[in-house]
């Protein structure tokens, strides 16, 4: 991956006359594992393509022209990343990242046992309840990938025409879609990286536990069967190496369950965002379409109340509901959501006008309504709230004032350092959004002088801008973004400008465009 010419020569030497050399390699080898690897791979392929004695191919093409003459027997229970077969995914075999010597991976076995137990019960639920509606439940499950790639109404109808035993009514379609989503999460909860790393608290393990949680949530909705008790009983044996984590059950309750969502939580997020900045007539949020039916904002004595009704459609399950919401700002943000008509929004508005936000809070707490706060906000909405509370002018003045203090006293208290960090990161994001990459670059350098790096969120935003600009042929602006990405993380993010620019060149462009693209690609 470090020398494309040498790689090409080695492949040629390894290829027998009238034969094939098959190279199976991890894509990361040419990505973040080896800075510049993508460029060397491109050079290797270019050299091989120019030769007359060899030809690039793929297994399917080769086998079509050269049918197999013998069979091989695959050695079962083997893998590329474990010396002990597949023990890395079910036991404490000794394989780890090597980052934490002395840590135990005994948690892998109970995690595997819990997932296996859950998968069996989910399969039983799926087969039992879907067989009432589908000709071949497991074939429908396999074909569900087509809906994941295209959730248009026409494609959904084609799916049901192909798989349904009869014409299903809307409620029956929802039930089938819930079952299919349940099975999708049942497969995703076996993602291999959940067992790969050193501790049960790793983000990859949290991810597969989140899939398991969602699968159980959907299973209960469609069947009424509660699976969490049995699942957690087995999971209890998965002990973390970190005392503060304890075991996987504690991890599940404190980290995974708060991530669980439903339509009401989505509407609560909508309500809070609406209170902050308003929303158009309709909006898409987290695989849901929300239509704003009726909303009103009422101001009063430093407090703000928003009330309204929305229609929400979940594209994953086809569920559709009309819901009412109330959102309140009184130094902190709160929201409540209910099925349409459960409350009198007019009475709540009148209560707010007469007695203020405190009376609204008391009313909902007395009636036992679920209260949503900032802790229930999704990450994107949480960041939007922070940006709303911290105005750009305030952030600039805050950062400048703290920098002046640094000249007087280099060892600032932690509280001031954190305030400065919040301010500059918000400014940095604003500069990237405004495509002011010269200013963004200066902020990155200022961050680094104090020992900080720009967050992944900012890098992702810059990548998105680069794709948009290259796609719309705004190449000089794209060149500035590419320069920013190379400044931020040259060894990691330098590959993206190169790859996108080389693709544009390959697709064909004018000479003056090609010159800019070659500069972006660094060739």
Protein backbone atom coordinates (compact mmCIF):
# COMPACT_ATOMS: atom_id res chain seq x y z
CA UNK A 1 0.00 0.00 0.00
CA UNK A 2 3.04 2.28 0.29
CA UNK A 3 4.40 1.88 -3.27
CA UNK A 4 1.98 1.35 -6.13
CA UNK A 5 4.64 0.46 -8.70
CA UNK A 6 6.20 -2.19 -6.46
CA UNK A 7 2.76 -3.59 -5.67
CA UNK A 8 1.98 -3.92 -9.38
CA UNK A 9 5.24 -5.77 -10.04
CA UNK A 10 4.64 -8.18 -7.16
CA UNK A 11 1.17 -8.99 -8.45
CA UNK A 12 2.51 -9.68 -11.94
CA UNK A 13 5.23 -11.97 -10.58
CA UNK A 14 2.65 -13.86 -8.51
CA UNK A 15 0.29 -14.46 -11.44
CA UNK A 16 0.76 -17.82 -13.22
CA UNK A 17 0.50 -18.18 -16.99
CA UNK A 18 -3.16 -18.45 -18.03
CA UNK A 19 -4.15 -18.20 -14.37
CA UNK A 20 -5.55 -15.73 -11.91
CA UNK A 21 -4.21 -14.08 -8.79
CA UNK A 22 -7.00 -13.24 -6.38
CA UNK A 23 -6.24 -10.49 -3.87
CA UNK A 24 -8.51 -10.22 -0.83
CA UNK A 25 -7.60 -7.23 1.31
CA UNK A 26 -9.20 -5.00 3.91
CA UNK A 27 -10.23 -1.71 2.32
CA UNK A 28 -8.81 0.14 5.31
CA UNK A 29 -5.35 -0.94 4.13
CA UNK A 30 -5.60 1.80 1.51
CA UNK A 31 -7.44 4.22 3.76
CA UNK A 32 -6.73 5.40 7.28
CA UNK A 33 -4.34 2.52 8.04
CA UNK A 34 -1.89 3.81 5.41
CA UNK A 35 -1.89 7.55 4.63
CA UNK A 36 -1.61 7.95 0.86
CA UNK A 37 -2.58 4.32 0.30
CA UNK A 38 -5.46 5.26 -1.99
CA UNK A 39 -3.09 7.12 -4.28
CA UNK A 40 -0.68 4.18 -4.46
CA UNK A 41 -3.56 1.78 -5.14
CA UNK A 42 -4.68 4.02 -8.01
CA UNK A 43 -1.11 4.03 -9.36
CA UNK A 44 -0.93 0.23 -9.12
CA UNK A 45 -4.20 -0.20 -11.02
CA UNK A 46 -3.12 2.32 -13.65
CA UNK A 47 0.14 0.41 -14.24
CA UNK A 48 -1.64 -2.95 -14.48
CA UNK A 49 -4.26 -1.53 -16.86
CA UNK A 50 -1.53 -0.29 -19.21
CA UNK A 51 0.19 -3.69 -19.54
CA UNK A 52 -0.59 -6.11 -22.37
CA UNK A 53 0.45 -9.30 -20.56
CA UNK A 54 -2.04 -9.05 -17.68
CA UNK A 55 -5.63 -7.90 -17.31
CA UNK A 56 -7.65 -6.77 -14.34
CA UNK A 57 -10.75 -8.84 -13.65
CA UNK A 58 -13.12 -9.91 -10.88
CA UNK A 59 -13.96 -13.48 -9.75
CA UNK A 60 -17.41 -13.52 -11.38
CA UNK A 61 -16.03 -12.62 -14.82
CA UNK A 62 -13.16 -15.08 -14.56
CA UNK A 63 -15.39 -17.98 -13.46
CA UNK A 64 -17.87 -17.28 -16.25
CA UNK A 65 -15.08 -17.69 -18.81
CA UNK A 66 -13.24 -20.43 -16.89
CA UNK A 67 -15.77 -22.69 -15.14
CA UNK A 68 -14.49 -24.48 -12.01
CA UNK A 69 -12.90 -27.90 -12.58
CA UNK A 70 -12.77 -28.94 -8.93
CA UNK A 71 -14.25 -28.15 -5.53
CA UNK A 72 -12.62 -27.04 -2.31
CA UNK A 73 -13.87 -27.58 1.20
CA UNK A 74 -13.97 -24.49 3.36
CA UNK A 75 -12.46 -24.92 6.78
CA UNK A 76 -15.31 -24.08 9.12
CA UNK A 77 -15.07 -21.74 12.11
CA UNK A 78 -12.03 -19.80 10.89
CA UNK A 79 -11.49 -16.06 10.55
CA UNK A 80 -8.81 -13.63 9.45
CA UNK A 81 -8.45 -11.77 12.73
CA UNK A 82 -8.34 -14.51 15.38
CA UNK A 83 -5.68 -17.20 15.76
CA UNK A 84 -8.20 -19.38 17.58
CA UNK A 85 -10.80 -19.72 14.81
CA UNK A 86 -13.84 -17.65 15.76
CA UNK A 87 -13.30 -17.59 19.52
CA UNK A 88 -12.84 -13.82 19.46
CA UNK A 89 -16.59 -13.57 18.96
CA UNK A 90 -17.61 -15.90 21.76
CA UNK A 91 -14.84 -16.28 24.34
CA UNK A 92 -11.81 -14.94 26.16
CA UNK A 93 -9.31 -16.40 23.68
CA UNK A 94 -6.57 -13.85 24.34
CA UNK A 95 -7.05 -11.87 21.12
CA UNK A 96 -7.52 -8.14 21.75
CA UNK A 97 -6.31 -4.80 20.44
CA UNK A 98 -3.36 -4.93 22.84
CA UNK A 99 -4.24 -1.48 24.16
CA UNK A 100 -5.12 -2.70 27.66
CA UNK A 101 -2.75 -5.46 28.83
CA UNK A 102 -4.25 -7.49 31.66
CA UNK A 103 -7.86 -6.82 30.74
CA UNK A 104 -10.21 -9.78 30.51
CA UNK A 105 -12.49 -10.46 27.58
CA UNK A 106 -14.58 -13.00 29.51
CA UNK A 107 -17.56 -10.71 28.81
CA UNK A 108 -17.69 -11.98 25.23
CA UNK A 109 -19.28 -15.35 26.08
CA UNK A 110 -22.30 -14.04 28.04
CA UNK A 111 -22.81 -11.31 25.44
CA UNK A 112 -22.87 -13.95 22.70
CA UNK A 113 -25.18 -16.20 24.74
CA UNK A 114 -27.59 -13.32 25.38
CA UNK A 115 -27.67 -12.39 21.69
CA UNK A 116 -28.18 -16.02 20.62
CA UNK A 117 -31.03 -16.42 23.12
CA UNK A 118 -32.67 -13.21 21.92
CA UNK A 119 -32.26 -14.09 18.23
CA UNK A 120 -34.07 -17.42 18.75
CA UNK A 121 -37.01 -15.76 20.48
CA UNK A 122 -37.20 -12.97 17.89
CA UNK A 123 -37.21 -15.55 15.08
CA UNK A 124 -40.10 -17.38 16.76
CA UNK A 125 -42.08 -14.15 17.09
CA UNK A 126 -41.33 -13.17 13.50
CA UNK A 127 -42.37 -16.53 12.06
CA UNK A 128 -45.47 -16.82 14.23
CA UNK A 129 -46.88 -13.36 13.51
CA UNK A 130 -45.70 -12.78 9.92
CA UNK A 131 -46.95 -16.11 8.56
CA UNK A 132 -50.47 -14.71 8.83
CA UNK A 133 -49.61 -12.08 6.21
CA UNK A 134 -46.63 -13.25 4.13
CA UNK A 135 -46.26 -16.17 1.70
CA UNK A 136 -42.67 -16.86 2.69
CA UNK A 137 -41.69 -14.83 5.78
CA UNK A 138 -37.96 -15.53 5.47
CA UNK A 139 -37.81 -14.71 1.77
CA UNK A 140 -39.65 -11.47 2.54
CA UNK A 141 -37.11 -10.77 5.29
CA UNK A 142 -34.25 -11.24 2.82
CA UNK A 143 -35.96 -9.04 0.20
CA UNK A 144 -36.50 -6.28 2.79
CA UNK A 145 -33.14 -4.85 1.70
CA UNK A 146 -35.02 -3.51 -1.33
CA UNK A 147 -37.18 -1.36 0.94
CA UNK A 148 -34.19 -0.14 2.92
CA UNK A 149 -32.71 1.17 -0.32
CA UNK A 150 -35.96 2.63 -1.64
CA UNK A 151 -38.84 3.46 0.73
CA UNK A 152 -40.97 5.16 -1.90
CA UNK A 153 -44.70 4.38 -1.73
CA UNK A 154 -44.52 2.66 -5.13
CA UNK A 155 -41.72 0.34 -4.02
CA UNK A 156 -43.54 -0.49 -0.78
CA UNK A 157 -46.61 -1.49 -2.80
CA UNK A 158 -44.48 -3.64 -5.10
CA UNK A 159 -43.02 -5.38 -2.06
CA UNK A 160 -46.45 -6.24 -0.65
CA UNK A 161 -47.74 -7.33 -4.06
CA UNK A 162 -44.85 -9.77 -4.29
CA UNK A 163 -44.92 -11.14 -0.74
CA UNK A 164 -48.36 -10.68 0.85
CA UNK A 165 -50.79 -13.61 1.06
CA UNK A 166 -53.66 -11.25 0.28
CA UNK A 167 -54.40 -7.55 0.03
CA UNK A 168 -53.45 -6.11 3.43
CA UNK A 169 -55.14 -3.18 5.12
CA UNK A 170 -53.00 -0.29 6.49
CA UNK A 171 -52.90 -1.70 10.04
CA UNK A 172 -51.72 -5.08 8.77
CA UNK A 173 -49.01 -3.45 6.66
CA UNK A 174 -47.77 -1.59 9.72
CA UNK A 175 -47.58 -4.87 11.63
CA UNK A 176 -45.55 -6.52 8.85
CA UNK A 177 -43.19 -3.54 8.63
CA UNK A 178 -42.63 -3.63 12.40
CA UNK A 179 -41.80 -7.33 12.17
CA UNK A 180 -39.37 -6.73 9.29
CA UNK A 181 -37.67 -3.90 11.18
CA UNK A 182 -37.43 -6.16 14.22
CA UNK A 183 -35.64 -8.79 12.14
CA UNK A 184 -33.33 -6.17 10.63
CA UNK A 185 -32.20 -5.17 14.10
CA UNK A 186 -31.96 -8.86 15.06
CA UNK A 187 -29.34 -9.24 12.33
CA UNK A 188 -27.59 -5.94 13.04
CA UNK A 189 -27.09 -6.90 16.70
CA UNK A 190 -24.57 -9.51 15.53
CA UNK A 191 -22.27 -6.93 13.92
CA UNK A 192 -18.85 -8.45 14.54
CA UNK A 193 -17.12 -5.38 15.99
CA UNK A 194 -19.38 -5.69 19.06
CA UNK A 195 -17.09 -8.50 20.27
CA UNK A 196 -13.86 -7.40 18.62
CA UNK A 197 -12.46 -4.86 21.07
CA UNK A 198 -11.29 -4.92 24.67
CA UNK A 199 -14.29 -4.12 26.86
CA UNK A 200 -18.04 -4.52 26.88
CA UNK A 201 -18.37 -0.74 27.28
CA UNK A 202 -16.80 0.00 23.87
CA UNK A 203 -18.97 2.08 21.53
CA UNK A 204 -19.27 -0.85 19.10
CA UNK A 205 -20.76 -3.04 21.84
CA UNK A 206 -23.13 -0.26 22.87
CA UNK A 207 -24.21 -0.14 19.21
CA UNK A 208 -25.14 -3.83 19.03
CA UNK A 209 -26.91 -3.61 22.39
CA UNK A 210 -28.89 -0.68 20.94
CA UNK A 211 -29.95 -2.89 18.04
CA UNK A 212 -31.01 -5.59 20.52
CA UNK A 213 -32.96 -3.00 22.51
CA UNK A 214 -34.80 -1.77 19.43
CA UNK A 215 -35.59 -5.34 18.35
CA UNK A 216 -37.10 -6.11 21.78
CA UNK A 217 -39.07 -2.86 21.74
CA UNK A 218 -40.59 -3.73 18.35
CA UNK A 219 -41.21 -7.36 19.37
CA UNK A 220 -43.23 -6.25 22.38
CA UNK A 221 -45.30 -3.83 20.34
CA UNK A 222 -46.30 -6.42 17.78
CA UNK A 223 -46.63 -9.48 20.04
CA UNK A 224 -46.98 -8.21 23.62
CA UNK A 225 -44.09 -10.49 24.62
CA UNK A 226 -41.56 -9.00 27.05
CA UNK A 227 -38.07 -10.31 26.31
CA UNK A 228 -35.84 -7.92 28.26
CA UNK A 229 -36.01 -9.82 31.55
CA UNK A 230 -34.55 -13.03 30.11
CA UNK A 231 -32.06 -11.15 27.95
CA UNK A 232 -30.67 -9.11 30.86
CA UNK A 233 -30.45 -12.15 33.10
CA UNK A 234 -27.98 -13.76 30.68
CA UNK A 235 -26.25 -10.45 29.97
CA UNK A 236 -25.54 -9.96 33.68
CA UNK A 237 -22.52 -12.26 33.33
CA UNK A 238 -20.78 -9.79 30.99
CA UNK A 239 -18.51 -7.93 33.42
CA UNK A 240 -16.68 -4.76 32.41
CA UNK A 241 -13.00 -4.17 33.16
CA UNK A 242 -14.01 -0.69 34.32
CA UNK A 243 -15.33 -0.56 37.91
CA UNK A 244 -17.53 2.44 37.14
CA UNK A 245 -19.34 0.47 34.41
CA UNK A 246 -19.89 -2.69 36.45
CA UNK A 247 -21.58 -5.08 34.06
CA UNK A 248 -23.43 -5.02 30.76
CA UNK A 249 -26.82 -4.79 32.48
CA UNK A 250 -25.82 -1.50 34.09
CA UNK A 251 -24.43 -0.35 30.73
CA UNK A 252 -27.72 -1.28 29.07
CA UNK A 253 -29.82 0.62 31.60
CA UNK A 254 -27.66 3.75 31.83
CA UNK A 255 -26.40 4.13 28.24
CA UNK A 256 -28.52 2.03 25.86
CA UNK A 257 -32.06 2.57 27.15
CA UNK A 258 -31.78 6.40 27.06
CA UNK A 259 -31.05 6.06 23.33
CA UNK A 260 -34.38 4.30 22.69
CA UNK A 261 -36.88 6.36 20.74
CA UNK A 262 -40.49 6.33 19.56
CA UNK A 263 -42.82 8.64 17.65
CA UNK A 264 -43.58 10.74 20.73
CA UNK A 265 -39.91 11.42 21.34
CA UNK A 266 -39.50 12.51 17.72
CA UNK A 267 -42.44 14.91 18.10
CA UNK A 268 -40.96 16.23 21.37
CA UNK A 269 -37.74 17.02 19.50
CA UNK A 270 -39.79 18.73 16.81
CA UNK A 271 -41.64 20.76 19.45
CA UNK A 272 -38.45 21.99 21.09
CA UNK A 273 -36.87 22.91 17.75
CA UNK A 274 -40.08 24.68 16.77
CA UNK A 275 -40.00 26.70 19.98
CA UNK A 276 -36.38 27.68 19.28
CA UNK A 277 -36.58 28.71 15.67
CA UNK A 278 -39.86 27.70 14.08
CA UNK A 279 -40.27 25.03 11.43
CA UNK A 280 -41.75 25.04 7.93
CA UNK A 281 -45.08 23.45 7.06
CA UNK A 282 -43.46 20.03 6.81
CA UNK A 283 -40.09 18.60 7.77
CA UNK A 284 -38.21 15.30 7.81
CA UNK A 285 -36.70 14.12 11.10
CA UNK A 286 -35.07 10.74 11.74
CA UNK A 287 -36.90 8.63 9.14
CA UNK A 288 -40.14 10.44 9.94
CA UNK A 289 -42.16 12.95 7.95
CA UNK A 290 -43.80 15.59 10.14
CA UNK A 291 -46.55 17.86 8.85
CA UNK A 292 -47.17 20.96 10.91
CA UNK A 293 -50.98 21.20 11.15
CA UNK A 294 -51.46 24.05 13.61
CA UNK A 295 -49.03 25.86 15.91
CA UNK A 296 -49.02 28.88 18.17
CA UNK A 297 -46.27 30.62 20.17
CA UNK A 298 -47.16 32.68 23.25
CA UNK A 299 -44.72 35.02 25.03
CA UNK A 300 -45.00 36.00 28.66
CA UNK A 301 -42.67 37.42 31.34
CA UNK A 302 -39.41 35.93 30.05
CA UNK A 303 -41.14 32.64 29.25
CA UNK A 304 -42.30 31.16 25.96
CA UNK A 305 -44.95 28.53 25.29
CA UNK A 306 -45.47 26.71 21.99
CA UNK A 307 -48.54 24.55 21.38
CA UNK A 308 -49.59 22.73 18.26
CA UNK A 309 -50.70 19.65 16.37
CA UNK A 310 -48.67 17.62 13.88
CA UNK A 311 -49.17 14.57 11.71
CA UNK A 312 -46.20 12.19 11.85
CA UNK A 313 -45.45 9.32 9.46
CA UNK A 314 -42.68 6.82 10.22
CA UNK A 315 -41.18 5.63 6.93
CA UNK A 316 -39.69 2.55 8.61
CA UNK A 317 -42.97 1.12 9.92
CA UNK A 318 -45.61 3.12 7.96
CA UNK A 319 -47.19 4.17 11.29
CA UNK A 320 -49.08 7.44 11.04
CA UNK A 321 -50.49 9.45 13.95
CA UNK A 322 -51.75 12.91 14.72
CA UNK A 323 -50.28 14.29 17.94
CA UNK A 324 -50.49 17.42 20.06
CA UNK A 325 -47.49 19.01 21.72
CA UNK A 326 -46.68 21.63 24.32
CA UNK A 327 -43.16 23.07 24.61
CA UNK A 328 -42.10 25.50 27.34
CA UNK A 329 -39.04 27.67 27.84
CA UNK A 330 -38.58 29.15 31.32
CA UNK A 331 -34.83 29.03 31.86
CA UNK A 332 -34.92 25.39 30.80
CA UNK A 333 -36.65 23.53 28.02
CA UNK A 334 -39.52 21.09 28.59
CA UNK A 335 -42.02 19.42 26.28
CA UNK A 336 -45.04 17.12 26.48
CA UNK A 337 -46.65 15.06 23.71
CA UNK A 338 -49.97 13.23 23.48
CA UNK A 339 -52.35 11.75 20.95
CA UNK A 340 -54.45 14.43 19.31
CA UNK A 341 -57.43 15.51 21.37
CA UNK A 342 -56.21 14.15 24.71
CA UNK A 343 -55.70 17.70 25.99
CA UNK A 344 -57.37 21.04 25.45
CA UNK A 345 -54.55 23.13 23.99
CA UNK A 346 -56.70 26.22 24.47
CA UNK A 347 -56.99 25.55 28.21
CA UNK A 348 -53.22 25.07 28.49
CA UNK A 349 -52.60 28.36 26.66
CA UNK A 350 -55.02 30.12 29.00
CA UNK A 351 -53.33 28.57 32.04
CA UNK A 352 -49.98 29.90 30.80
CA UNK A 353 -51.34 33.42 30.24
CA UNK A 354 -52.96 33.57 33.67
CA UNK A 355 -50.45 31.80 35.92
CA UNK A 356 -47.23 31.33 33.93
CA UNK A 357 -45.05 28.39 32.95
CA UNK A 358 -44.79 26.98 36.47
CA UNK A 359 -48.52 26.26 36.48
CA UNK A 360 -48.21 24.43 33.14
CA UNK A 361 -45.42 22.24 34.56
CA UNK A 362 -47.47 21.51 37.70
CA UNK A 363 -50.50 20.61 35.59
CA UNK A 364 -48.66 18.01 33.53
CA UNK A 365 -46.85 16.54 36.53
CA UNK A 366 -50.14 16.15 38.39
CA UNK A 367 -51.65 14.30 35.41
CA UNK A 368 -48.57 12.06 35.12
CA UNK A 369 -47.70 13.04 31.55
CA UNK A 370 -44.25 12.02 30.27
CA UNK A 371 -41.97 15.07 30.51
CA UNK A 372 -39.27 15.56 27.87
CA UNK A 373 -36.24 17.68 28.68
CA UNK A 374 -32.88 18.43 27.08
CA UNK A 375 -31.70 14.96 28.10
CA UNK A 376 -34.25 13.45 25.65
CA UNK A 377 -33.08 15.61 22.77
CA UNK A 378 -31.31 13.87 19.91
CA UNK A 379 -27.73 15.02 19.38
CA UNK A 380 -28.57 17.30 16.45
CA UNK A 381 -31.34 19.07 18.36
CA UNK A 382 -29.15 19.36 21.45
CA UNK A 383 -26.43 21.09 19.44
CA UNK A 384 -29.02 23.39 17.87
CA UNK A 385 -30.23 24.38 21.34
CA UNK A 386 -26.69 25.19 22.47
CA UNK A 387 -26.07 27.29 19.35
CA UNK A 388 -29.36 29.11 19.92
CA UNK A 389 -28.46 29.97 23.51
CA UNK A 390 -24.94 31.06 22.61
CA UNK A 391 -25.34 33.85 20.07
CA UNK A 392 -22.42 34.43 17.63
CA UNK A 393 -21.65 37.89 19.03
CA UNK A 394 -21.55 36.53 22.58
CA UNK A 395 -19.20 33.74 21.53
CA UNK A 396 -16.78 36.10 19.77
CA UNK A 397 -16.62 38.46 22.73
CA UNK A 398 -16.26 35.57 25.17
CA UNK A 399 -13.35 34.06 23.23
CA UNK A 400 -11.57 37.39 22.83
CA UNK A 401 -11.95 38.25 26.52
CA UNK A 402 -10.57 34.90 27.65
CA UNK A 403 -7.65 35.17 25.21
CA UNK A 404 -6.81 38.57 26.71
CA UNK A 405 -6.82 36.97 30.15
CA UNK A 406 -4.38 34.32 28.88
CA UNK A 407 -1.83 37.02 28.12
CA UNK A 408 -2.09 38.21 31.72
CA UNK A 409 -2.31 34.77 33.37
CA UNK A 410 -1.35 31.75 31.20
CA UNK A 411 -2.65 29.21 33.74
CA UNK A 412 -6.35 29.97 33.52
CA UNK A 413 -8.85 28.13 35.74
CA UNK A 414 -10.45 25.08 34.16
CA UNK A 415 -13.85 26.80 34.05
CA UNK A 416 -12.53 29.61 31.84
CA UNK A 417 -10.66 27.20 29.58
CA UNK A 418 -13.87 25.24 29.05
CA UNK A 419 -15.82 28.42 28.26
CA UNK A 420 -13.17 29.40 25.73
CA UNK A 421 -13.34 25.93 24.16
CA UNK A 422 -17.14 26.08 23.84
CA UNK A 423 -16.88 29.50 22.22
CA UNK A 424 -14.18 28.69 19.69
CA UNK A 425 -15.73 25.37 18.67
CA UNK A 426 -19.06 27.08 17.99
CA UNK A 427 -17.25 29.78 16.00
CA UNK A 428 -15.31 27.13 14.08
CA UNK A 429 -18.49 25.35 13.07
CA UNK A 430 -20.01 28.66 12.00
CA UNK A 431 -16.98 29.45 9.86
CA UNK A 432 -17.16 26.05 8.14
CA UNK A 433 -20.91 26.41 7.54
CA UNK A 434 -20.27 29.85 6.01
CA UNK A 435 -17.40 28.36 3.94
CA UNK A 436 -14.95 30.83 5.46
CA UNK A 437 -12.13 28.29 5.48
CA UNK A 438 -9.37 30.85 5.91
CA UNK A 439 -10.87 31.89 9.25
CA UNK A 440 -11.63 28.25 10.10
CA UNK A 441 -7.98 27.38 9.49
CA UNK A 442 -6.85 30.11 11.89
CA UNK A 443 -9.18 28.74 14.56
CA UNK A 444 -7.79 25.23 14.09
CA UNK A 445 -4.28 26.59 14.66
CA UNK A 446 -5.50 28.48 17.74
CA UNK A 447 -7.05 25.26 19.06
CA UNK A 448 -3.83 23.35 18.53
CA UNK A 449 -1.75 25.94 20.34
CA UNK A 450 -3.80 25.13 23.44
CA UNK A 451 -3.64 21.36 22.97
CA UNK A 452 -7.03 20.71 21.33
CA UNK A 453 -8.06 19.22 17.99
CA UNK A 454 -11.14 20.13 15.92
CA UNK A 455 -14.05 17.73 16.59
CA UNK A 456 -15.24 15.04 14.19
CA UNK A 457 -18.49 16.97 13.69
CA UNK A 458 -16.61 19.86 12.06
CA UNK A 459 -14.57 17.51 9.88
CA UNK A 460 -17.76 15.74 8.73
CA UNK A 461 -19.34 19.08 7.86
CA UNK A 462 -16.29 20.04 5.78
CA UNK A 463 -16.43 16.69 3.95
CA UNK A 464 -20.09 17.31 3.15
CA UNK A 465 -19.26 20.79 1.81
CA UNK A 466 -16.50 19.32 -0.37
CA UNK A 467 -18.86 16.79 -1.94
CA UNK A 468 -21.47 19.49 -2.61
CA UNK A 469 -18.96 21.88 -4.19
CA UNK A 470 -17.32 19.25 -6.39
CA UNK A 471 -20.74 18.01 -7.46
CA UNK A 472 -21.79 21.53 -8.51
CA UNK A 473 -18.45 22.31 -10.24
CA UNK A 474 -17.59 25.11 -7.79
CA UNK A 475 -14.01 23.92 -7.94
CA UNK A 476 -12.15 26.93 -6.56
CA UNK A 477 -14.31 26.83 -3.43
CA UNK A 478 -13.77 23.06 -3.29
CA UNK A 479 -10.02 23.66 -3.40
CA UNK A 480 -10.27 25.79 -0.25
CA UNK A 481 -12.22 23.03 1.53
CA UNK A 482 -9.63 20.46 0.46
CA UNK A 483 -6.89 22.67 1.89
CA UNK A 484 -8.80 22.91 5.16
CA UNK A 485 -9.22 19.11 5.37
CA UNK A 486 -5.52 18.60 4.69
CA UNK A 487 -4.74 21.09 7.46
CA UNK A 488 -7.12 19.45 9.93
CA UNK A 489 -6.08 15.81 9.52
CA UNK A 490 -3.68 15.38 6.60
CA UNK A 491 -2.97 11.71 7.21
CA UNK A 492 -6.63 10.74 7.56
CA UNK A 493 -8.78 13.14 5.58
CA UNK A 494 -6.38 13.87 2.74
CA UNK A 495 -7.73 10.81 0.89
CA UNK A 496 -11.22 12.23 0.38
CA UNK A 497 -10.27 15.29 -1.73
CA UNK A 498 -7.94 13.09 -3.78
CA UNK A 499 -10.56 10.39 -4.37
CA UNK A 500 -13.35 12.82 -5.28
CA UNK A 501 -11.11 14.92 -7.52
CA UNK A 502 -9.73 11.88 -9.36
CA UNK A 503 -13.27 10.63 -9.92
CA UNK A 504 -14.25 13.97 -11.49
CA UNK A 505 -11.19 13.85 -13.76
CA UNK A 506 -12.05 10.29 -14.81
CA UNK A 507 -15.63 11.33 -15.61
CA UNK A 508 -14.31 14.03 -17.96
CA UNK A 509 -13.92 17.79 -17.52
CA UNK A 510 -12.53 20.90 -19.20
CA UNK A 511 -8.74 21.48 -19.13
CA UNK A 512 -9.01 24.42 -16.72
CA UNK A 513 -11.16 22.30 -14.39
CA UNK A 514 -8.73 19.40 -14.61
CA UNK A 515 -5.91 21.69 -13.50
CA UNK A 516 -7.78 22.66 -10.32
CA UNK A 517 -8.81 19.05 -9.71
CA UNK A 518 -5.21 17.87 -10.01
CA UNK A 519 -4.19 20.46 -7.43
CA UNK A 520 -6.94 19.18 -5.12
CA UNK A 521 -5.77 15.60 -5.69
CA UNK A 522 -2.13 16.54 -5.16
CA UNK A 523 -1.00 14.97 -8.45
